[in-house]
Amino acid sequence: MGFQTEFNSVCKFKSEQELYELLEYGRGKMLKEGLRVFPTGQKVIAYTPDNRAVAIVLITACVSEINFQGREVTSVELQLIRKLTDEESRVQTALAHEMFFGDHA
């Protein structure tokens, strides 16, 4: 057991439904497996499950716990700041692929 620190500029969704709720309602929650640290109060880029940059979000809460099934989970609450333009999305997606999601030599 141990905490894993997330990249300071990346908030990747694994669930399309969680991402849809954030973009549709302006607030959302994301569940992650494992104990992770998301920096509350920080603005980050949100990515789709297929690693496409879509929005700037504010992390409003982060709670890590061992649930009743004995699984380590982290719940992250987010607030939508704004959706990215097509050009911003293209640039951020390319940079993130090179820095975080691409092949690491």
PDB file of N, CA and C in Angstrom:
ATOM      1  N   MET A   1       0.845  -1.174   0.000  1.00  0.00           N
ATOM      2  CA  MET A   1       0.000   0.000   0.000  1.00  0.00           C
ATOM      3  C   MET A   1       0.889   1.235   0.000  1.00  0.00           C
ATOM      4  N   GLY A   2       0.518   2.207  -0.804  1.00  0.00           N
ATOM      5  CA  GLY A   2       1.250   3.461  -0.850  1.00  0.00           C
ATOM      6  C   GLY A   2       0.571   4.416  -1.800  1.00  0.00           C
ATOM      7  N   PHE A   3       0.865   5.673  -1.633  1.00  0.00           N
ATOM      8  CA  PHE A   3       0.241   6.686  -2.475  1.00  0.00           C
ATOM      9  C   PHE A   3       1.022   6.854  -3.765  1.00  0.00           C
ATOM     10  N   GLN A   4       0.301   7.073  -4.854  1.00  0.00           N
ATOM     11  CA  GLN A   4       0.892   7.364  -6.142  1.00  0.00           C
ATOM     12  C   GLN A   4       0.546   8.806  -6.479  1.00  0.00           C
ATOM     13  N   THR A   5       1.532   9.604  -6.806  1.00  0.00           N
ATOM     14  CA  THR A   5       1.291  11.005  -7.146  1.00  0.00           C
ATOM     15  C   THR A   5       0.959  11.115  -8.624  1.00  0.00           C
ATOM     16  N   GLU A   6      -0.090  11.851  -8.947  1.00  0.00           N
ATOM     17  CA  GLU A   6      -0.474  12.080 -10.335  1.00  0.00           C
ATOM     18  C   GLU A   6       0.376  13.195 -10.915  1.00  0.00           C
ATOM     19  N   PHE A   7       0.494  13.209 -12.248  1.00  0.00           N
ATOM     20  CA  PHE A   7       1.181  14.317 -12.903  1.00  0.00           C
ATOM     21  C   PHE A   7       0.466  15.600 -12.522  1.00  0.00           C
ATOM     22  N   ASN A   8       1.198  16.661 -12.299  1.00  0.00           N
ATOM     23  CA  ASN A   8       0.593  17.921 -11.881  1.00  0.00           C
ATOM     24  C   ASN A   8      -0.311  18.538 -12.933  1.00  0.00           C
ATOM     25  N   SER A   9      -0.188  18.146 -14.197  1.00  0.00           N
ATOM     26  CA  SER A   9      -0.985  18.788 -15.225  1.00  0.00           C
ATOM     27  C   SER A   9      -1.959  17.843 -15.929  1.00  0.00           C
ATOM     28  N   VAL A  10      -2.117  16.622 -15.437  1.00  0.00           N
ATOM     29  CA  VAL A  10      -2.923  15.621 -16.128  1.00  0.00           C
ATOM     30  C   VAL A  10      -4.023  15.070 -15.241  1.00  0.00           C
ATOM     31  N   CYS A  11      -5.234  15.005 -15.791  1.00  0.00           N
ATOM     32  CA  CYS A  11      -6.370  14.388 -15.122  1.00  0.00           C
ATOM     33  C   CYS A  11      -7.053  13.524 -16.179  1.00  0.00           C
ATOM     34  N   LYS A  12      -6.698  12.242 -16.237  1.00  0.00           N
ATOM     35  CA  LYS A  12      -7.194  11.360 -17.287  1.00  0.00           C
ATOM     36  C   LYS A  12      -8.401  10.565 -16.806  1.00  0.00           C
ATOM     37  N   PHE A  13      -9.481  10.670 -17.557  1.00  0.00           N
ATOM     38  CA  PHE A  13     -10.688   9.921 -17.249  1.00  0.00           C
ATOM     39  C   PHE A  13     -10.598   8.516 -17.832  1.00  0.00           C
ATOM     40  N   LYS A  14     -11.041   7.534 -17.079  1.00  0.00           N
ATOM     41  CA  LYS A  14     -11.141   6.165 -17.570  1.00  0.00           C
ATOM     42  C   LYS A  14     -12.574   5.861 -17.998  1.00  0.00           C
ATOM     43  N   SER A  15     -13.517   6.673 -17.528  1.00  0.00           N
ATOM     44  CA  SER A  15     -14.939   6.456 -17.791  1.00  0.00           C
ATOM     45  C   SER A  15     -15.510   7.594 -18.627  1.00  0.00           C
ATOM     46  N   GLU A  16     -16.097   7.254 -19.774  1.00  0.00           N
ATOM     47  CA  GLU A  16     -16.764   8.262 -20.615  1.00  0.00           C
ATOM     48  C   GLU A  16     -17.920   8.921 -19.870  1.00  0.00           C
ATOM     49  N   GLN A  17     -18.625   8.153 -19.027  1.00  0.00           N
ATOM     50  CA  GLN A  17     -19.769   8.689 -18.289  1.00  0.00           C
ATOM     51  C   GLN A  17     -19.331   9.779 -17.305  1.00  0.00           C
ATOM     52  N   GLU A  18     -18.241   9.546 -16.583  1.00  0.00           N
ATOM     53  CA  GLU A  18     -17.742  10.556 -15.648  1.00  0.00           C
ATOM     54  C   GLU A  18     -17.343  11.831 -16.386  1.00  0.00           C
ATOM     55  N   LEU A  19     -16.696  11.686 -17.531  1.00  0.00           N
ATOM     56  CA  LEU A  19     -16.298  12.836 -18.331  1.00  0.00           C
ATOM     57  C   LEU A  19     -17.524  13.567 -18.866  1.00  0.00           C
ATOM     58  N   TYR A  20     -18.516  12.822 -19.355  1.00  0.00           N
ATOM     59  CA  TYR A  20     -19.746  13.431 -19.865  1.00  0.00           C
ATOM     60  C   TYR A  20     -20.420  14.282 -18.791  1.00  0.00           C
ATOM     61  N   GLU A  21     -20.521  13.754 -17.571  1.00  0.00           N
ATOM     62  CA  GLU A  21     -21.171  14.496 -16.483  1.00  0.00           C
ATOM     63  C   GLU A  21     -20.433  15.793 -16.182  1.00  0.00           C
ATOM     64  N   LEU A  22     -19.112  15.762 -16.185  1.00  0.00           N
ATOM     65  CA  LEU A  22     -18.329  16.971 -15.950  1.00  0.00           C
ATOM     66  C   LEU A  22     -18.589  18.006 -17.043  1.00  0.00           C
ATOM     67  N   LEU A  23     -18.522  17.581 -18.301  1.00  0.00           N
ATOM     68  CA  LEU A  23     -18.696  18.519 -19.405  1.00  0.00           C
ATOM     69  C   LEU A  23     -20.135  19.011 -19.519  1.00  0.00           C
ATOM     70  N   GLU A  24     -21.100  18.182 -19.164  1.00  0.00           N
ATOM     71  CA  GLU A  24     -22.507  18.556 -19.282  1.00  0.00           C
ATOM     72  C   GLU A  24     -22.981  19.443 -18.135  1.00  0.00           C
ATOM     73  N   TYR A  25     -22.572  19.109 -16.905  1.00  0.00           N
ATOM     74  CA  TYR A  25     -23.091  19.799 -15.724  1.00  0.00           C
ATOM     75  C   TYR A  25     -22.110  20.765 -15.069  1.00  0.00           C
ATOM     76  N   GLY A  26     -20.859  20.763 -15.506  1.00  0.00           N
ATOM     77  CA  GLY A  26     -19.881  21.694 -14.955  1.00  0.00           C
ATOM     78  C   GLY A  26     -19.195  21.216 -13.685  1.00  0.00           C
ATOM     79  N   ARG A  27     -19.676  20.126 -13.142  1.00  0.00           N
ATOM     80  CA  ARG A  27     -19.059  19.499 -11.959  1.00  0.00           C
ATOM     81  C   ARG A  27     -19.110  18.000 -12.152  1.00  0.00           C
ATOM     82  N   GLY A  28     -18.159  17.319 -11.553  1.00  0.00           N
ATOM     83  CA  GLY A  28     -18.160  15.871 -11.689  1.00  0.00           C
ATOM     84  C   GLY A  28     -17.259  15.207 -10.677  1.00  0.00           C
ATOM     85  N   LYS A  29     -17.306  13.890 -10.701  1.00  0.00           N
ATOM     86  CA  LYS A  29     -16.490  13.082  -9.803  1.00  0.00           C
ATOM     87  C   LYS A  29     -15.831  11.989 -10.636  1.00  0.00           C
ATOM     88  N   MET A  30     -14.612  11.682 -10.277  1.00  0.00           N
ATOM     89  CA  MET A  30     -13.860  10.651 -10.955  1.00  0.00           C
ATOM     90  C   MET A  30     -13.353   9.666  -9.906  1.00  0.00           C
ATOM     91  N   LEU A  31     -13.565   8.377 -10.130  1.00  0.00           N
ATOM     92  CA  LEU A  31     -13.044   7.350  -9.228  1.00  0.00           C
ATOM     93  C   LEU A  31     -11.830   6.699  -9.860  1.00  0.00           C
ATOM     94  N   LYS A  32     -10.791   6.539  -9.076  1.00  0.00           N
ATOM     95  CA  LYS A  32      -9.561   5.904  -9.531  1.00  0.00           C
ATOM     96  C   LYS A  32      -9.232   4.748  -8.606  1.00  0.00           C
ATOM     97  N   GLU A  33      -8.640   3.708  -9.165  1.00  0.00           N
ATOM     98  CA  GLU A  33      -8.181   2.603  -8.328  1.00  0.00           C
ATOM     99  C   GLU A  33      -6.836   2.974  -7.729  1.00  0.00           C
ATOM    100  N   GLY A  34      -6.603   2.523  -6.516  1.00  0.00           N
ATOM    101  CA  GLY A  34      -5.354   2.811  -5.830  1.00  0.00           C
ATOM    102  C   GLY A  34      -5.434   4.101  -5.037  1.00  0.00           C
ATOM    103  N   LEU A  35      -4.499   4.268  -4.151  1.00  0.00           N
ATOM    104  CA  LEU A  35      -4.421   5.493  -3.353  1.00  0.00           C
ATOM    105  C   LEU A  35      -3.566   6.488  -4.123  1.00  0.00           C
ATOM    106  N   ARG A  36      -4.168   7.600  -4.509  1.00  0.00           N
ATOM    107  CA  ARG A  36      -3.491   8.594  -5.327  1.00  0.00           C
ATOM    108  C   ARG A  36      -3.639   9.967  -4.698  1.00  0.00           C
ATOM    109  N   VAL A  37      -2.738  10.849  -5.045  1.00  0.00           N
ATOM    110  CA  VAL A  37      -2.778  12.221  -4.550  1.00  0.00           C
ATOM    111  C   VAL A  37      -3.036  13.145  -5.732  1.00  0.00           C
ATOM    112  N   PHE A  38      -4.170  13.830  -5.726  1.00  0.00           N
ATOM    113  CA  PHE A  38      -4.485  14.862  -6.707  1.00  0.00           C
ATOM    114  C   PHE A  38      -4.449  16.185  -5.958  1.00  0.00           C
ATOM    115  N   PRO A  39      -3.693  17.163  -6.417  1.00  0.00           N
ATOM    116  CA  PRO A  39      -3.508  18.421  -5.683  1.00  0.00           C
ATOM    117  C   PRO A  39      -4.757  19.302  -5.685  1.00  0.00           C
ATOM    118  N   THR A  40      -5.484  19.316  -4.580  1.00  0.00           N
ATOM    119  CA  THR A  40      -6.705  20.104  -4.444  1.00  0.00           C
ATOM    120  C   THR A  40      -6.400  21.582  -4.653  1.00  0.00           C
ATOM    121  N   GLY A  41      -7.271  22.251  -5.413  1.00  0.00           N
ATOM    122  CA  GLY A  41      -7.095  23.666  -5.704  1.00  0.00           C
ATOM    123  C   GLY A  41      -6.298  23.947  -6.956  1.00  0.00           C
ATOM    124  N   GLN A  42      -5.775  22.907  -7.600  1.00  0.00           N
ATOM    125  CA  GLN A  42      -4.959  23.100  -8.794  1.00  0.00           C
ATOM    126  C   GLN A  42      -5.798  22.929 -10.056  1.00  0.00           C
ATOM    127  N   LYS A  43      -5.526  23.749 -11.069  1.00  0.00           N
ATOM    128  CA  LYS A  43      -6.139  23.591 -12.374  1.00  0.00           C
ATOM    129  C   LYS A  43      -5.287  22.619 -13.184  1.00  0.00           C
ATOM    130  N   VAL A  44      -5.960  21.703 -13.891  1.00  0.00           N
ATOM    131  CA  VAL A  44      -5.264  20.700 -14.698  1.00  0.00           C
ATOM    132  C   VAL A  44      -6.006  20.508 -16.018  1.00  0.00           C
ATOM    133  N   ILE A  45      -5.354  19.845 -16.949  1.00  0.00           N
ATOM    134  CA  ILE A  45      -5.970  19.502 -18.228  1.00  0.00           C
ATOM    135  C   ILE A  45      -6.652  18.142 -18.074  1.00  0.00           C
ATOM    136  N   ALA A  46      -7.913  18.057 -18.506  1.00  0.00           N
ATOM    137  CA  ALA A  46      -8.652  16.794 -18.471  1.00  0.00           C
ATOM    138  C   ALA A  46      -8.516  16.099 -19.826  1.00  0.00           C
ATOM    139  N   TYR A  47      -8.307  14.780 -19.765  1.00  0.00           N
ATOM    140  CA  TYR A  47      -8.136  13.967 -20.967  1.00  0.00           C
ATOM    141  C   TYR A  47      -9.192  12.882 -21.032  1.00  0.00           C
ATOM    142  N   THR A  48      -9.605  12.555 -22.259  1.00  0.00           N
ATOM    143  CA  THR A  48     -10.558  11.474 -22.488  1.00  0.00           C
ATOM    144  C   THR A  48      -9.864  10.133 -22.267  1.00  0.00           C
ATOM    145  N   PRO A  49     -10.645   9.036 -22.208  1.00  0.00           N
ATOM    146  CA  PRO A  49     -10.008   7.714 -22.075  1.00  0.00           C
ATOM    147  C   PRO A  49      -9.030   7.393 -23.217  1.00  0.00           C
ATOM    148  N   ASP A  50      -9.214   8.018 -24.392  1.00  0.00           N
ATOM    149  CA  ASP A  50      -8.284   7.779 -25.494  1.00  0.00           C
ATOM    150  C   ASP A  50      -7.199   8.860 -25.586  1.00  0.00           C
ATOM    151  N   ASN A  51      -6.932   9.542 -24.467  1.00  0.00           N
ATOM    152  CA  ASN A  51      -5.813  10.485 -24.309  1.00  0.00           C
ATOM    153  C   ASN A  51      -5.946  11.765 -25.131  1.00  0.00           C
ATOM    154  N   ARG A  52      -7.155  12.264 -25.311  1.00  0.00           N
ATOM    155  CA  ARG A  52      -7.379  13.525 -26.025  1.00  0.00           C
ATOM    156  C   ARG A  52      -7.699  14.617 -25.013  1.00  0.00           C
ATOM    157  N   ALA A  53      -6.978  15.735 -25.066  1.00  0.00           N
ATOM    158  CA  ALA A  53      -7.207  16.862 -24.158  1.00  0.00           C
ATOM    159  C   ALA A  53      -8.543  17.515 -24.501  1.00  0.00           C
ATOM    160  N   VAL A  54      -9.382  17.767 -23.467  1.00  0.00           N
ATOM    161  CA  VAL A  54     -10.707  18.324 -23.747  1.00  0.00           C
ATOM    162  C   VAL A  54     -11.063  19.555 -22.929  1.00  0.00           C
ATOM    163  N   ALA A  55     -10.469  19.737 -21.746  1.00  0.00           N
ATOM    164  CA  ALA A  55     -10.921  20.833 -20.894  1.00  0.00           C
ATOM    165  C   ALA A  55      -9.883  21.188 -19.837  1.00  0.00           C
ATOM    166  N   ILE A  56     -10.078  22.376 -19.266  1.00  0.00           N
ATOM    167  CA  ILE A  56      -9.340  22.769 -18.067  1.00  0.00           C
ATOM    168  C   ILE A  56     -10.297  22.590 -16.903  1.00  0.00           C
ATOM    169  N   VAL A  57      -9.853  21.889 -15.868  1.00  0.00           N
ATOM    170  CA  VAL A  57     -10.697  21.628 -14.706  1.00  0.00           C
ATOM    171  C   VAL A  57      -9.966  22.021 -13.425  1.00  0.00           C
ATOM    172  N   LEU A  58     -10.734  22.271 -12.389  1.00  0.00           N
ATOM    173  CA  LEU A  58     -10.206  22.588 -11.068  1.00  0.00           C
ATOM    174  C   LEU A  58     -10.474  21.397 -10.164  1.00  0.00           C
ATOM    175  N   ILE A  59      -9.449  20.902  -9.491  1.00  0.00           N
ATOM    176  CA  ILE A  59      -9.626  19.806  -8.535  1.00  0.00           C
ATOM    177  C   ILE A  59     -10.126  20.422  -7.234  1.00  0.00           C
ATOM    178  N   THR A  60     -11.350  20.077  -6.844  1.00  0.00           N
ATOM    179  CA  THR A  60     -11.949  20.680  -5.655  1.00  0.00           C
ATOM    180  C   THR A  60     -11.863  19.783  -4.426  1.00  0.00           C
ATOM    181  N   ALA A  61     -11.680  18.482  -4.611  1.00  0.00           N
ATOM    182  CA  ALA A  61     -11.548  17.563  -3.469  1.00  0.00           C
ATOM    183  C   ALA A  61     -10.891  16.270  -3.930  1.00  0.00           C
ATOM    184  N   CYS A  62     -10.178  15.634  -3.022  1.00  0.00           N
ATOM    185  CA  CYS A  62      -9.533  14.356  -3.305  1.00  0.00           C
ATOM    186  C   CYS A  62      -9.535  13.540  -2.006  1.00  0.00           C
ATOM    187  N   VAL A  63     -10.209  12.388  -2.050  1.00  0.00           N
ATOM    188  CA  VAL A  63     -10.280  11.532  -0.868  1.00  0.00           C
ATOM    189  C   VAL A  63      -9.824  10.127  -1.252  1.00  0.00           C
ATOM    190  N   SER A  64      -8.796   9.629  -0.580  1.00  0.00           N
ATOM    191  CA  SER A  64      -8.307   8.274  -0.797  1.00  0.00           C
ATOM    192  C   SER A  64      -8.667   7.425   0.408  1.00  0.00           C
ATOM    193  N   GLU A  65      -9.129   6.196   0.129  1.00  0.00           N
ATOM    194  CA  GLU A  65      -9.561   5.332   1.229  1.00  0.00           C
ATOM    195  C   GLU A  65      -9.511   3.867   0.819  1.00  0.00           C
ATOM    196  N   ILE A  66      -9.612   3.024   1.797  1.00  0.00           N
ATOM    197  CA  ILE A  66      -9.816   1.606   1.559  1.00  0.00           C
ATOM    198  C   ILE A  66     -11.296   1.369   1.806  1.00  0.00           C
ATOM    199  N   ASN A  67     -12.027   0.953   0.743  1.00  0.00           N
ATOM    200  CA  ASN A  67     -13.482   0.831   0.866  1.00  0.00           C
ATOM    201  C   ASN A  67     -13.887  -0.451   1.597  1.00  0.00           C
ATOM    202  N   PHE A  68     -15.193  -0.671   1.686  1.00  0.00           N
ATOM    203  CA  PHE A  68     -15.705  -1.822   2.439  1.00  0.00           C
ATOM    204  C   PHE A  68     -15.332  -3.158   1.805  1.00  0.00           C
ATOM    205  N   GLN A  69     -15.016  -3.151   0.522  1.00  0.00           N
ATOM    206  CA  GLN A  69     -14.577  -4.383  -0.146  1.00  0.00           C
ATOM    207  C   GLN A  69     -13.071  -4.595  -0.010  1.00  0.00           C
ATOM    208  N   GLY A  70     -12.400  -3.691   0.702  1.00  0.00           N
ATOM    209  CA  GLY A  70     -10.967  -3.803   0.907  1.00  0.00           C
ATOM    210  C   GLY A  70     -10.139  -3.265  -0.252  1.00  0.00           C
ATOM    211  N   ARG A  71     -10.778  -2.576  -1.195  1.00  0.00           N
ATOM    212  CA  ARG A  71     -10.065  -2.006  -2.344  1.00  0.00           C
ATOM    213  C   ARG A  71      -9.598  -0.595  -2.036  1.00  0.00           C
ATOM    214  N   GLU A  72      -8.407  -0.258  -2.512  1.00  0.00           N
ATOM    215  CA  GLU A  72      -7.885   1.104  -2.383  1.00  0.00           C
ATOM    216  C   GLU A  72      -8.475   1.936  -3.524  1.00  0.00           C
ATOM    217  N   VAL A  73      -9.175   3.011  -3.188  1.00  0.00           N
ATOM    218  CA  VAL A  73      -9.802   3.868  -4.195  1.00  0.00           C
ATOM    219  C   VAL A  73      -9.575   5.339  -3.849  1.00  0.00           C
ATOM    220  N   THR A  74      -9.579   6.153  -4.886  1.00  0.00           N
ATOM    221  CA  THR A  74      -9.474   7.601  -4.717  1.00  0.00           C
ATOM    222  C   THR A  74     -10.631   8.247  -5.467  1.00  0.00           C
ATOM    223  N   SER A  75     -11.332   9.127  -4.782  1.00  0.00           N
ATOM    224  CA  SER A  75     -12.432   9.881  -5.369  1.00  0.00           C
ATOM    225  C   SER A  75     -11.969  11.319  -5.547  1.00  0.00           C
ATOM    226  N   VAL A  76     -12.116  11.828  -6.777  1.00  0.00           N
ATOM    227  CA  VAL A  76     -11.670  13.182  -7.090  1.00  0.00           C
ATOM    228  C   VAL A  76     -12.875  13.979  -7.574  1.00  0.00           C
ATOM    229  N   GLU A  77     -13.130  15.117  -6.935  1.00  0.00           N
ATOM    230  CA  GLU A  77     -14.211  15.998  -7.366  1.00  0.00           C
ATOM    231  C   GLU A  77     -13.619  17.133  -8.188  1.00  0.00           C
ATOM    232  N   LEU A  78     -14.308  17.445  -9.303  1.00  0.00           N
ATOM    233  CA  LEU A  78     -13.783  18.388 -10.280  1.00  0.00           C
ATOM    234  C   LEU A  78     -14.821  19.432 -10.646  1.00  0.00           C
ATOM    235  N   GLN A  79     -14.333  20.609 -11.006  1.00  0.00           N
ATOM    236  CA  GLN A  79     -15.183  21.685 -11.505  1.00  0.00           C
ATOM    237  C   GLN A  79     -14.652  22.097 -12.869  1.00  0.00           C
ATOM    238  N   LEU A  80     -15.532  22.184 -13.860  1.00  0.00           N
ATOM    239  CA  LEU A  80     -15.136  22.589 -15.200  1.00  0.00           C
ATOM    240  C   LEU A  80     -14.816  24.084 -15.216  1.00  0.00           C
ATOM    241  N   ILE A  81     -13.626  24.436 -15.670  1.00  0.00           N
ATOM    242  CA  ILE A  81     -13.268  25.832 -15.864  1.00  0.00           C
ATOM    243  C   ILE A  81     -13.701  26.248 -17.276  1.00  0.00           C
ATOM    244  N   ARG A  82     -13.247  25.498 -18.278  1.00  0.00           N
ATOM    245  CA  ARG A  82     -13.706  25.720 -19.648  1.00  0.00           C
ATOM    246  C   ARG A  82     -13.247  24.566 -20.538  1.00  0.00           C
ATOM    247  N   LYS A  83     -13.986  24.372 -21.628  1.00  0.00           N
ATOM    248  CA  LYS A  83     -13.575  23.406 -22.642  1.00  0.00           C
ATOM    249  C   LYS A  83     -12.455  24.030 -23.471  1.00  0.00           C
ATOM    250  N   LEU A  84     -11.578  23.189 -23.987  1.00  0.00           N
ATOM    251  CA  LEU A  84     -10.493  23.655 -24.837  1.00  0.00           C
ATOM    252  C   LEU A  84     -11.000  23.890 -26.261  1.00  0.00           C
ATOM    253  N   THR A  85     -10.390  24.855 -26.947  1.00  0.00           N
ATOM    254  CA  THR A  85     -10.680  25.038 -28.369  1.00  0.00           C
ATOM    255  C   THR A  85     -10.048  23.862 -29.129  1.00  0.00           C
ATOM    256  N   ASP A  86     -10.412  23.705 -30.398  1.00  0.00           N
ATOM    257  CA  ASP A  86      -9.849  22.616 -31.207  1.00  0.00           C
ATOM    258  C   ASP A  86      -8.327  22.718 -31.291  1.00  0.00           C
ATOM    259  N   GLU A  87      -7.828  23.939 -31.472  1.00  0.00           N
ATOM    260  CA  GLU A  87      -6.380  24.142 -31.578  1.00  0.00           C
ATOM    261  C   GLU A  87      -5.678  23.834 -30.246  1.00  0.00           C
ATOM    262  N   GLU A  88      -6.241  24.307 -29.146  1.00  0.00           N
ATOM    263  CA  GLU A  88      -5.663  24.015 -27.829  1.00  0.00           C
ATOM    264  C   GLU A  88      -5.654  22.514 -27.563  1.00  0.00           C
ATOM    265  N   SER A  89      -6.738  21.860 -27.915  1.00  0.00           N
ATOM    266  CA  SER A  89      -6.839  20.418 -27.717  1.00  0.00           C
ATOM    267  C   SER A  89      -5.775  19.677 -28.526  1.00  0.00           C
ATOM    268  N   ARG A  90      -5.607  20.077 -29.778  1.00  0.00           N
ATOM    269  CA  ARG A  90      -4.620  19.431 -30.634  1.00  0.00           C
ATOM    270  C   ARG A  90      -3.204  19.570 -30.061  1.00  0.00           C
ATOM    271  N   VAL A  91      -2.853  20.777 -29.621  1.00  0.00           N
ATOM    272  CA  VAL A  91      -1.508  21.024 -29.085  1.00  0.00           C
ATOM    273  C   VAL A  91      -1.303  20.280 -27.763  1.00  0.00           C
ATOM    274  N   GLN A  92      -2.246  20.393 -26.859  1.00  0.00           N
ATOM    275  CA  GLN A  92      -2.122  19.721 -25.549  1.00  0.00           C
ATOM    276  C   GLN A  92      -2.079  18.200 -25.711  1.00  0.00           C
ATOM    277  N   THR A  93      -2.872  17.669 -26.629  1.00  0.00           N
ATOM    278  CA  THR A  93      -2.884  16.226 -26.867  1.00  0.00           C
ATOM    279  C   THR A  93      -1.530  15.758 -27.373  1.00  0.00           C
ATOM    280  N   ALA A  94      -0.948  16.499 -28.308  1.00  0.00           N
ATOM    281  CA  ALA A  94       0.369  16.146 -28.848  1.00  0.00           C
ATOM    282  C   ALA A  94       1.446  16.214 -27.768  1.00  0.00           C
ATOM    283  N   LEU A  95       1.414  17.261 -26.957  1.00  0.00           N
ATOM    284  CA  LEU A  95       2.407  17.394 -25.885  1.00  0.00           C
ATOM    285  C   LEU A  95       2.265  16.277 -24.856  1.00  0.00           C
ATOM    286  N   ALA A  96       1.036  15.973 -24.469  1.00  0.00           N
ATOM    287  CA  ALA A  96       0.822  14.923 -23.468  1.00  0.00           C
ATOM    288  C   ALA A  96       1.249  13.565 -23.995  1.00  0.00           C
ATOM    289  N   HIS A  97       1.020  13.323 -25.279  1.00  0.00           N
ATOM    290  CA  HIS A  97       1.464  12.048 -25.849  1.00  0.00           C
ATOM    291  C   HIS A  97       2.981  11.922 -25.740  1.00  0.00           C
ATOM    292  N   GLU A  98       3.664  13.011 -26.053  1.00  0.00           N
ATOM    293  CA  GLU A  98       5.130  12.987 -25.979  1.00  0.00           C
ATOM    294  C   GLU A  98       5.636  12.885 -24.547  1.00  0.00           C
ATOM    295  N   MET A  99       4.967  13.576 -23.604  1.00  0.00           N
ATOM    296  CA  MET A  99       5.460  13.641 -22.231  1.00  0.00           C
ATOM    297  C   MET A  99       4.963  12.519 -21.327  1.00  0.00           C
ATOM    298  N   PHE A 100       3.696  12.101 -21.498  1.00  0.00           N
ATOM    299  CA  PHE A 100       3.097  11.183 -20.526  1.00  0.00           C
ATOM    300  C   PHE A 100       2.605   9.873 -21.106  1.00  0.00           C
ATOM    301  N   PHE A 101       1.892   9.921 -22.209  1.00  0.00           N
ATOM    302  CA  PHE A 101       1.155   8.750 -22.686  1.00  0.00           C
ATOM    303  C   PHE A 101       1.869   7.945 -23.736  1.00  0.00           C
ATOM    304  N   GLY A 102       2.868   8.510 -24.408  1.00  0.00           N
ATOM    305  CA  GLY A 102       3.544   7.827 -25.515  1.00  0.00           C
ATOM    306  C   GLY A 102       4.509   6.760 -25.022  1.00  0.00           C
ATOM    307  N   ASP A 103       5.198   6.174 -25.972  1.00  0.00           N
ATOM    308  CA  ASP A 103       6.205   5.164 -25.651  1.00  0.00           C
ATOM    309  C   ASP A 103       7.371   5.795 -24.909  1.00  0.00           C
ATOM    310  N   HIS A 104       7.803   5.138 -23.864  1.00  0.00           N
ATOM    311  CA  HIS A 104       8.946   5.634 -23.084  1.00  0.00           C
ATOM    312  C   HIS A 104      10.158   4.767 -23.375  1.00  0.00           C
ATOM    313  N   ALA A 105      11.205   5.393 -23.850  1.00  0.00           N
ATOM    314  CA  ALA A 105      12.419   4.648 -24.218  1.00  0.00           C
ATOM    315  C   ALA A 105      13.303   4.444 -23.019  1.00  0.00           C
TER     316      ALA A 105
END
